[in-house]
Amino acid sequence: MQLNTLNRVISLFLVGGFVVFLGAVYLREDIGREGKKFVSEYSLGSGWGPTAGVFMAVGLLSVTALAGAIVDAIGNITVRRFIRKVLGRYRFLAGLFLCAGEFGEQARWREVFRVAISNSTKHRPLAGKKEMISPLSAGLFFRTAQKEHAEWLIQHHSMYHLSADFVVVLLVCAILAGLRDSYYLAYGSIAAAYLLTTFALDNYLYTYQLSFRNAYLALMDERELPASLVGTSGVASNPRPQPDRNRATHGPAV
């Protein structure tokens, strides 16, 4: 299995490992005290050490995955929802997070794609439904994009998820640091959370820019092909190689 197909799992363990590390640092005194108490009360001889190490490793692995999944769930209903529903819809707010240019590029390709489906007999009924334009572009992308282009989009979308999850962790760190009067750490955590939010928003907008652009080119290629080469699904059964029409500044064109 390729590394890209594991990106979400890797993200969970990266975030979960960071959470476990921070928890261990924050509760180090309690952990040390309870650990000594456990060893003194439940010591089972010299053979207990290796066995305890195995159980601790398995338990720590599970706790890491659990912590990552919890943070991912919290990020889905907070930071990522905020990006999808607010920052990703208004240019002014995107500009506050240094993403006005990326927002403009995404909006232009969205409009170009909307006009293209308005002129498509097959997809015209969806042109007036704003909530269907993004899912349609994603569907066309994964039906027509080459493997390396799909991997490029998946990488950016995974970075969007990972960055949003770290924003959640940093905001919690800022709150805990403030409760302990560590104001410099709190301010640093907030600043880092802001930077990661800009990174998450940039990756989110660029992901949909790739999706709209590739879907538009797929529709144009379909219209240019002779009717005898177009299958029942609307995609060419044996399409001709197409020239590179648009080279993205972020990476390979889609």
C-alpha atoms as a PDB file:
ATOM      1  CA  MET A   1       0.000   0.000   0.000  1.00  0.00           C
ATOM      2  CA  GLN A   2       1.369   3.379  -0.988  1.00  0.00           C
ATOM      3  CA  LEU A   3       2.118   6.058   1.569  1.00  0.00           C
ATOM      4  CA  ASN A   4      -0.492   8.471   0.168  1.00  0.00           C
ATOM      5  CA  THR A   5      -3.315   6.021   0.902  1.00  0.00           C
ATOM      6  CA  LEU A   6      -2.262   6.085   4.567  1.00  0.00           C
ATOM      7  CA  ASN A   7      -2.194   9.845   4.959  1.00  0.00           C
ATOM      8  CA  ARG A   8      -5.290  10.062   7.152  1.00  0.00           C
ATOM      9  CA  VAL A   9      -4.092   7.249   9.424  1.00  0.00           C
ATOM     10  CA  ILE A  10      -0.646   8.813   9.674  1.00  0.00           C
ATOM     11  CA  SER A  11      -2.272  12.152  10.517  1.00  0.00           C
ATOM     12  CA  LEU A  12      -4.216  10.549  13.366  1.00  0.00           C
ATOM     13  CA  PHE A  13      -1.060   9.094  14.877  1.00  0.00           C
ATOM     14  CA  LEU A  14       0.938  12.295  14.415  1.00  0.00           C
ATOM     15  CA  VAL A  15      -1.726  14.382  16.127  1.00  0.00           C
ATOM     16  CA  GLY A  16      -2.435  11.720  18.737  1.00  0.00           C
ATOM     17  CA  GLY A  17       1.259  11.345  19.535  1.00  0.00           C
ATOM     18  CA  PHE A  18       1.583  15.087  20.032  1.00  0.00           C
ATOM     19  CA  VAL A  19      -1.454  15.089  22.327  1.00  0.00           C
ATOM     20  CA  VAL A  20      -0.070  12.199  24.392  1.00  0.00           C
ATOM     21  CA  PHE A  21       3.300  13.957  24.663  1.00  0.00           C
ATOM     22  CA  LEU A  22       1.714  17.207  25.829  1.00  0.00           C
ATOM     23  CA  GLY A  23      -0.485  15.319  28.273  1.00  0.00           C
ATOM     24  CA  ALA A  24       2.540  13.538  29.705  1.00  0.00           C
ATOM     25  CA  VAL A  25       4.395  16.839  30.137  1.00  0.00           C
ATOM     26  CA  TYR A  26       1.384  18.556  31.694  1.00  0.00           C
ATOM     27  CA  LEU A  27       0.693  15.669  34.109  1.00  0.00           C
ATOM     28  CA  ARG A  28       4.287  14.548  34.655  1.00  0.00           C
ATOM     29  CA  GLU A  29       4.135  14.900  38.433  1.00  0.00           C
ATOM     30  CA  ASP A  30       0.910  12.913  38.753  1.00  0.00           C
ATOM     31  CA  ILE A  31       2.155  10.260  36.330  1.00  0.00           C
ATOM     32  CA  GLY A  32       5.432   9.868  38.248  1.00  0.00           C
ATOM     33  CA  ARG A  33       3.649   9.570  41.582  1.00  0.00           C
ATOM     34  CA  GLU A  34       1.061   7.074  40.359  1.00  0.00           C
ATOM     35  CA  GLY A  35       3.725   5.091  38.489  1.00  0.00           C
ATOM     36  CA  LYS A  36       5.821   4.625  41.634  1.00  0.00           C
ATOM     37  CA  LYS A  37       2.725   3.645  43.584  1.00  0.00           C
ATOM     38  CA  PHE A  38       1.747   1.062  40.999  1.00  0.00           C
ATOM     39  CA  VAL A  39       5.218  -0.488  40.899  1.00  0.00           C
ATOM     40  CA  SER A  40       5.433  -0.727  44.705  1.00  0.00           C
ATOM     41  CA  GLU A  41       1.971  -2.234  45.145  1.00  0.00           C
ATOM     42  CA  TYR A  42       1.749  -4.545  42.116  1.00  0.00           C
ATOM     43  CA  SER A  43       5.338  -5.635  41.567  1.00  0.00           C
ATOM     44  CA  LEU A  44       5.377  -9.243  40.333  1.00  0.00           C
ATOM     45  CA  GLY A  45       9.086  -9.915  40.346  1.00  0.00           C
ATOM     46  CA  SER A  46      11.851  -9.451  37.800  1.00  0.00           C
ATOM     47  CA  GLY A  47       9.837 -11.067  34.977  1.00  0.00           C
ATOM     48  CA  TRP A  48       7.142  -8.438  35.156  1.00  0.00           C
ATOM     49  CA  GLY A  49       9.231  -5.693  33.523  1.00  0.00           C
ATOM     50  CA  PRO A  50       9.302  -7.024  29.896  1.00  0.00           C
ATOM     51  CA  THR A  51       5.636  -8.060  30.072  1.00  0.00           C
ATOM     52  CA  ALA A  52       4.604  -4.685  31.429  1.00  0.00           C
ATOM     53  CA  GLY A  53       6.586  -3.022  28.646  1.00  0.00           C
ATOM     54  CA  VAL A  54       4.632  -4.946  25.984  1.00  0.00           C
ATOM     55  CA  PHE A  55       1.277  -4.067  27.545  1.00  0.00           C
ATOM     56  CA  MET A  56       2.307  -0.439  27.922  1.00  0.00           C
ATOM     57  CA  ALA A  57       3.405  -0.235  24.277  1.00  0.00           C
ATOM     58  CA  VAL A  58       0.119  -1.694  23.021  1.00  0.00           C
ATOM     59  CA  GLY A  59      -1.895   0.516  25.342  1.00  0.00           C
ATOM     60  CA  LEU A  60       0.056   3.625  24.348  1.00  0.00           C
ATOM     61  CA  LEU A  61      -0.489   2.845  20.655  1.00  0.00           C
ATOM     62  CA  SER A  62      -4.237   2.571  21.214  1.00  0.00           C
ATOM     63  CA  VAL A  63      -4.333   5.730  23.341  1.00  0.00           C
ATOM     64  CA  THR A  64      -2.420   7.603  20.619  1.00  0.00           C
ATOM     65  CA  ALA A  65      -4.893   6.522  17.939  1.00  0.00           C
ATOM     66  CA  LEU A  66      -7.827   7.385  20.209  1.00  0.00           C
ATOM     67  CA  ALA A  67      -6.443  10.838  20.988  1.00  0.00           C
ATOM     68  CA  GLY A  68      -5.867  11.506  17.286  1.00  0.00           C
ATOM     69  CA  ALA A  69      -9.400  10.395  16.385  1.00  0.00           C
ATOM     70  CA  ILE A  70     -10.926  12.594  19.106  1.00  0.00           C
ATOM     71  CA  VAL A  71      -8.958  15.639  17.936  1.00  0.00           C
ATOM     72  CA  ASP A  72      -9.936  14.903  14.332  1.00  0.00           C
ATOM     73  CA  ALA A  73     -13.612  14.730  15.321  1.00  0.00           C
ATOM     74  CA  ILE A  74     -13.354  18.015  17.239  1.00  0.00           C
ATOM     75  CA  GLY A  75     -11.552  19.632  14.319  1.00  0.00           C
ATOM     76  CA  ASN A  76     -14.289  18.489  11.942  1.00  0.00           C
ATOM     77  CA  ILE A  77     -17.019  20.290  13.875  1.00  0.00           C
ATOM     78  CA  THR A  78     -14.952  23.382  14.727  1.00  0.00           C
ATOM     79  CA  VAL A  79     -11.931  24.450  12.675  1.00  0.00           C
ATOM     80  CA  ARG A  80     -12.733  22.670   9.400  1.00  0.00           C
ATOM     81  CA  ARG A  81     -16.393  23.684   9.597  1.00  0.00           C
ATOM     82  CA  PHE A  82     -15.258  27.284  10.169  1.00  0.00           C
ATOM     83  CA  ILE A  83     -13.014  27.058   7.108  1.00  0.00           C
ATOM     84  CA  ARG A  84     -15.690  25.448   4.915  1.00  0.00           C
ATOM     85  CA  LYS A  85     -18.649  27.564   5.982  1.00  0.00           C
ATOM     86  CA  VAL A  86     -17.014  30.949   6.665  1.00  0.00           C
ATOM     87  CA  LEU A  87     -13.426  31.513   5.537  1.00  0.00           C
ATOM     88  CA  GLY A  88     -13.817  29.537   2.309  1.00  0.00           C
ATOM     89  CA  ARG A  89     -16.894  31.532   1.218  1.00  0.00           C
ATOM     90  CA  TYR A  90     -15.903  35.160   1.748  1.00  0.00           C
ATOM     91  CA  ARG A  91     -12.902  36.784   0.096  1.00  0.00           C
ATOM     92  CA  PHE A  92     -12.542  39.433   2.817  1.00  0.00           C
ATOM     93  CA  LEU A  93     -12.303  36.838   5.591  1.00  0.00           C
ATOM     94  CA  ALA A  94      -9.926  34.711   3.521  1.00  0.00           C
ATOM     95  CA  GLY A  95      -7.779  37.824   3.121  1.00  0.00           C
ATOM     96  CA  LEU A  96      -7.507  38.135   6.887  1.00  0.00           C
ATOM     97  CA  PHE A  97      -5.770  34.743   6.766  1.00  0.00           C
ATOM     98  CA  LEU A  98      -3.514  35.733   3.835  1.00  0.00           C
ATOM     99  CA  CYS A  99      -5.434  33.670   1.277  1.00  0.00           C
ATOM    100  CA  ALA A 100      -7.220  36.309  -0.815  1.00  0.00           C
ATOM    101  CA  GLY A 101      -5.246  35.366  -3.941  1.00  0.00           C
ATOM    102  CA  GLU A 102      -5.969  31.672  -3.584  1.00  0.00           C
ATOM    103  CA  PHE A 103      -9.620  32.461  -2.934  1.00  0.00           C
ATOM    104  CA  GLY A 104      -9.771  34.479  -6.168  1.00  0.00           C
ATOM    105  CA  GLU A 105      -8.209  31.668  -8.209  1.00  0.00           C
ATOM    106  CA  GLN A 106     -10.612  29.135  -6.764  1.00  0.00           C
ATOM    107  CA  ALA A 107     -13.612  31.418  -7.369  1.00  0.00           C
ATOM    108  CA  ARG A 108     -12.602  32.015 -11.006  1.00  0.00           C
ATOM    109  CA  TRP A 109     -12.267  28.313 -11.764  1.00  0.00           C
ATOM    110  CA  ARG A 110     -15.549  27.632  -9.970  1.00  0.00           C
ATOM    111  CA  GLU A 111     -17.333  30.155 -12.192  1.00  0.00           C
ATOM    112  CA  VAL A 112     -15.683  28.765 -15.341  1.00  0.00           C
ATOM    113  CA  PHE A 113     -16.803  25.268 -14.349  1.00  0.00           C
ATOM    114  CA  ARG A 114     -20.337  26.482 -13.580  1.00  0.00           C
ATOM    115  CA  VAL A 115     -20.611  28.035 -17.050  1.00  0.00           C
ATOM    116  CA  ALA A 116     -19.294  24.822 -18.603  1.00  0.00           C
ATOM    117  CA  ILE A 117     -21.925  22.642 -16.932  1.00  0.00           C
ATOM    118  CA  SER A 118     -24.575  25.203 -17.912  1.00  0.00           C
ATOM    119  CA  ASN A 119     -23.627  24.477 -21.530  1.00  0.00           C
ATOM    120  CA  SER A 120     -23.548  20.715 -20.980  1.00  0.00           C
ATOM    121  CA  THR A 121     -26.757  18.869 -21.822  1.00  0.00           C
ATOM    122  CA  LYS A 122     -25.977  16.088 -19.361  1.00  0.00           C
ATOM    123  CA  HIS A 123     -25.030  18.262 -16.369  1.00  0.00           C
ATOM    124  CA  ARG A 124     -27.158  21.367 -17.021  1.00  0.00           C
ATOM    125  CA  PRO A 125     -29.803  20.511 -14.341  1.00  0.00           C
ATOM    126  CA  LEU A 126     -27.103  20.849 -11.654  1.00  0.00           C
ATOM    127  CA  ALA A 127     -25.814  24.235 -12.823  1.00  0.00           C
ATOM    128  CA  GLY A 128     -28.360  26.186 -10.781  1.00  0.00           C
ATOM    129  CA  LYS A 129     -27.759  24.223  -7.584  1.00  0.00           C
ATOM    130  CA  LYS A 130     -24.812  25.883  -5.855  1.00  0.00           C
ATOM    131  CA  GLU A 131     -24.484  23.138  -3.256  1.00  0.00           C
ATOM    132  CA  MET A 132     -23.989  20.539  -6.021  1.00  0.00           C
ATOM    133  CA  ILE A 133     -21.199  22.254  -7.974  1.00  0.00           C
ATOM    134  CA  SER A 134     -18.351  21.235  -5.649  1.00  0.00           C
ATOM    135  CA  PRO A 135     -19.454  17.571  -5.309  1.00  0.00           C
ATOM    136  CA  LEU A 136     -19.919  17.368  -9.086  1.00  0.00           C
ATOM    137  CA  SER A 137     -16.428  18.714  -9.734  1.00  0.00           C
ATOM    138  CA  ALA A 138     -14.973  16.220  -7.239  1.00  0.00           C
ATOM    139  CA  GLY A 139     -16.853  13.365  -8.928  1.00  0.00           C
ATOM    140  CA  LEU A 140     -15.603  14.368 -12.371  1.00  0.00           C
ATOM    141  CA  PHE A 141     -12.085  14.784 -11.016  1.00  0.00           C
ATOM    142  CA  PHE A 142     -11.823  11.253  -9.634  1.00  0.00           C
ATOM    143  CA  ARG A 143     -13.428   9.795 -12.761  1.00  0.00           C
ATOM    144  CA  THR A 144     -11.064  11.490 -15.190  1.00  0.00           C
ATOM    145  CA  ALA A 145      -7.857  12.551 -13.393  1.00  0.00           C
ATOM    146  CA  GLN A 146      -4.650  10.634 -13.840  1.00  0.00           C
ATOM    147  CA  LYS A 147      -3.189   8.807 -10.873  1.00  0.00           C
ATOM    148  CA  GLU A 148      -0.440  11.319 -10.121  1.00  0.00           C
ATOM    149  CA  HIS A 149      -2.927  14.195 -10.249  1.00  0.00           C
ATOM    150  CA  ALA A 150      -5.279  12.408  -7.862  1.00  0.00           C
ATOM    151  CA  GLU A 151      -2.382  11.810  -5.461  1.00  0.00           C
ATOM    152  CA  TRP A 152      -1.442  15.499  -5.664  1.00  0.00           C
ATOM    153  CA  LEU A 153      -4.973  16.529  -4.662  1.00  0.00           C
ATOM    154  CA  ILE A 154      -5.100  13.919  -1.874  1.00  0.00           C
ATOM    155  CA  GLN A 155      -1.832  15.237  -0.427  1.00  0.00           C
ATOM    156  CA  HIS A 156      -3.174  18.788  -0.240  1.00  0.00           C
ATOM    157  CA  HIS A 157      -6.473  17.666   1.262  1.00  0.00           C
ATOM    158  CA  SER A 158      -4.610  15.594   3.858  1.00  0.00           C
ATOM    159  CA  MET A 159      -2.504  18.620   4.795  1.00  0.00           C
ATOM    160  CA  TYR A 160      -5.736  20.582   5.212  1.00  0.00           C
ATOM    161  CA  HIS A 161      -6.980  17.966   7.692  1.00  0.00           C
ATOM    162  CA  LEU A 162      -3.662  17.686   9.522  1.00  0.00           C
ATOM    163  CA  SER A 163      -3.221  21.458   9.878  1.00  0.00           C
ATOM    164  CA  ALA A 164      -6.786  21.899  11.184  1.00  0.00           C
ATOM    165  CA  ASP A 165      -6.223  19.168  13.778  1.00  0.00           C
ATOM    166  CA  PHE A 166      -3.039  20.838  15.012  1.00  0.00           C
ATOM    167  CA  VAL A 167      -4.954  24.121  15.295  1.00  0.00           C
ATOM    168  CA  VAL A 168      -7.313  22.401  17.741  1.00  0.00           C
ATOM    169  CA  VAL A 169      -4.379  21.113  19.805  1.00  0.00           C
ATOM    170  CA  LEU A 170      -2.653  24.503  19.859  1.00  0.00           C
ATOM    171  CA  LEU A 171      -5.792  26.323  20.966  1.00  0.00           C
ATOM    172  CA  VAL A 172      -6.217  23.870  23.840  1.00  0.00           C
ATOM    173  CA  CYS A 173      -2.543  24.415  24.720  1.00  0.00           C
ATOM    174  CA  ALA A 174      -3.129  28.180  24.752  1.00  0.00           C
ATOM    175  CA  ILE A 175      -6.028  27.765  27.185  1.00  0.00           C
ATOM    176  CA  LEU A 176      -4.045  25.472  29.508  1.00  0.00           C
ATOM    177  CA  ALA A 177      -1.009  27.766  29.355  1.00  0.00           C
ATOM    178  CA  GLY A 178      -3.190  30.728  30.261  1.00  0.00           C
ATOM    179  CA  LEU A 179      -4.611  28.852  33.252  1.00  0.00           C
ATOM    180  CA  ARG A 180      -1.049  28.266  34.456  1.00  0.00           C
ATOM    181  CA  ASP A 181      -0.068  31.894  33.875  1.00  0.00           C
ATOM    182  CA  SER A 182       2.335  30.902  31.066  1.00  0.00           C
ATOM    183  CA  TYR A 183       1.271  33.821  28.915  1.00  0.00           C
ATOM    184  CA  TYR A 184       4.207  33.720  26.522  1.00  0.00           C
ATOM    185  CA  LEU A 185       3.428  30.076  25.738  1.00  0.00           C
ATOM    186  CA  ALA A 186      -0.243  30.965  25.327  1.00  0.00           C
ATOM    187  CA  TYR A 187       0.534  33.811  22.892  1.00  0.00           C
ATOM    188  CA  GLY A 188       2.942  31.582  20.977  1.00  0.00           C
ATOM    189  CA  SER A 189       0.316  28.851  20.682  1.00  0.00           C
ATOM    190  CA  ILE A 190      -2.260  31.331  19.378  1.00  0.00           C
ATOM    191  CA  ALA A 191       0.200  32.696  16.815  1.00  0.00           C
ATOM    192  CA  ALA A 192       1.061  29.168  15.661  1.00  0.00           C
ATOM    193  CA  ALA A 193      -2.652  28.311  15.446  1.00  0.00           C
ATOM    194  CA  TYR A 194      -3.216  31.361  13.227  1.00  0.00           C
ATOM    195  CA  LEU A 195      -0.383  30.362  10.886  1.00  0.00           C
ATOM    196  CA  LEU A 196      -1.670  26.800  10.643  1.00  0.00           C
ATOM    197  CA  THR A 197      -5.180  28.092   9.925  1.00  0.00           C
ATOM    198  CA  THR A 198      -3.796  30.067   6.971  1.00  0.00           C
ATOM    199  CA  PHE A 199      -2.045  26.892   5.779  1.00  0.00           C
ATOM    200  CA  ALA A 200      -5.203  24.798   6.162  1.00  0.00           C
ATOM    201  CA  LEU A 201      -7.305  27.381   4.310  1.00  0.00           C
ATOM    202  CA  ASP A 202      -4.744  27.636   1.510  1.00  0.00           C
ATOM    203  CA  ASN A 203      -4.740  23.852   1.032  1.00  0.00           C
ATOM    204  CA  TYR A 204      -8.544  23.713   1.162  1.00  0.00           C
ATOM    205  CA  LEU A 205      -8.936  26.388  -1.525  1.00  0.00           C
ATOM    206  CA  TYR A 206      -6.208  24.906  -3.702  1.00  0.00           C
ATOM    207  CA  THR A 207      -7.793  21.454  -3.481  1.00  0.00           C
ATOM    208  CA  TYR A 208     -11.042  22.773  -4.950  1.00  0.00           C
ATOM    209  CA  GLN A 209      -9.188  24.872  -7.498  1.00  0.00           C
ATOM    210  CA  LEU A 210      -7.611  21.649  -8.781  1.00  0.00           C
ATOM    211  CA  SER A 211     -10.990  19.924  -8.751  1.00  0.00           C
ATOM    212  CA  PHE A 212     -12.792  22.682 -10.700  1.00  0.00           C
ATOM    213  CA  ARG A 213      -9.971  23.055 -13.203  1.00  0.00           C
ATOM    214  CA  ASN A 214      -9.673  19.370 -13.984  1.00  0.00           C
ATOM    215  CA  ALA A 215     -13.464  18.946 -14.189  1.00  0.00           C
ATOM    216  CA  TYR A 216     -13.705  21.870 -16.624  1.00  0.00           C
ATOM    217  CA  LEU A 217     -10.969  20.434 -18.857  1.00  0.00           C
ATOM    218  CA  ALA A 218     -12.664  17.024 -18.738  1.00  0.00           C
ATOM    219  CA  LEU A 219     -15.943  18.563 -19.932  1.00  0.00           C
ATOM    220  CA  MET A 220     -14.165  20.439 -22.711  1.00  0.00           C
ATOM    221  CA  ASP A 221     -12.325  17.305 -23.848  1.00  0.00           C
ATOM    222  CA  GLU A 222     -15.598  15.393 -23.870  1.00  0.00           C
ATOM    223  CA  ARG A 223     -17.215  18.024 -26.098  1.00  0.00           C
ATOM    224  CA  GLU A 224     -14.260  17.979 -28.519  1.00  0.00           C
ATOM    225  CA  LEU A 225     -14.284  14.191 -29.011  1.00  0.00           C
ATOM    226  CA  PRO A 226     -16.275  12.637 -31.869  1.00  0.00           C
ATOM    227  CA  ALA A 227     -19.576  11.138 -30.767  1.00  0.00           C
ATOM    228  CA  SER A 228     -18.390   7.630 -31.767  1.00  0.00           C
ATOM    229  CA  LEU A 229     -15.615   7.778 -29.143  1.00  0.00           C
ATOM    230  CA  VAL A 230     -17.810   8.814 -26.228  1.00  0.00           C
ATOM    231  CA  GLY A 231     -19.172   5.960 -24.110  1.00  0.00           C
ATOM    232  CA  THR A 232     -22.493   5.791 -22.377  1.00  0.00           C
ATOM    233  CA  SER A 233     -20.978   7.363 -19.234  1.00  0.00           C
ATOM    234  CA  GLY A 234     -20.053  10.500 -21.152  1.00  0.00           C
ATOM    235  CA  VAL A 235     -16.303   9.870 -20.776  1.00  0.00           C
ATOM    236  CA  ALA A 236     -14.256   8.767 -23.755  1.00  0.00           C
ATOM    237  CA  SER A 237     -13.682   5.032 -23.794  1.00  0.00           C
ATOM    238  CA  ASN A 238     -10.317   5.485 -25.499  1.00  0.00           C
ATOM    239  CA  PRO A 239      -9.459   9.188 -25.227  1.00  0.00           C
ATOM    240  CA  ARG A 240      -6.600  10.781 -27.101  1.00  0.00           C
ATOM    241  CA  PRO A 241      -3.684  12.156 -25.081  1.00  0.00           C
ATOM    242  CA  GLN A 242      -4.289  15.836 -24.369  1.00  0.00           C
ATOM    243  CA  PRO A 243      -1.601  18.518 -24.175  1.00  0.00           C
ATOM    244  CA  ASP A 244      -0.737  20.203 -20.919  1.00  0.00           C
ATOM    245  CA  ARG A 245      -3.154  23.149 -20.986  1.00  0.00           C
ATOM    246  CA  ASN A 246      -2.468  24.746 -17.679  1.00  0.00           C
ATOM    247  CA  ARG A 247       0.552  24.422 -15.446  1.00  0.00           C
ATOM    248  CA  ALA A 248      -0.226  25.219 -11.789  1.00  0.00           C
ATOM    249  CA  THR A 249       2.248  27.242  -9.850  1.00  0.00           C
ATOM    250  CA  HIS A 250       1.782  24.857  -6.906  1.00  0.00           C
ATOM    251  CA  GLY A 251       2.585  21.682  -8.800  1.00  0.00           C
ATOM    252  CA  PRO A 252       1.523  19.541 -11.755  1.00  0.00           C
ATOM    253  CA  ALA A 253      -1.455  20.732 -13.777  1.00  0.00           C
ATOM    254  CA  VAL A 254      -4.730  18.956 -13.370  1.00  0.00           C
END
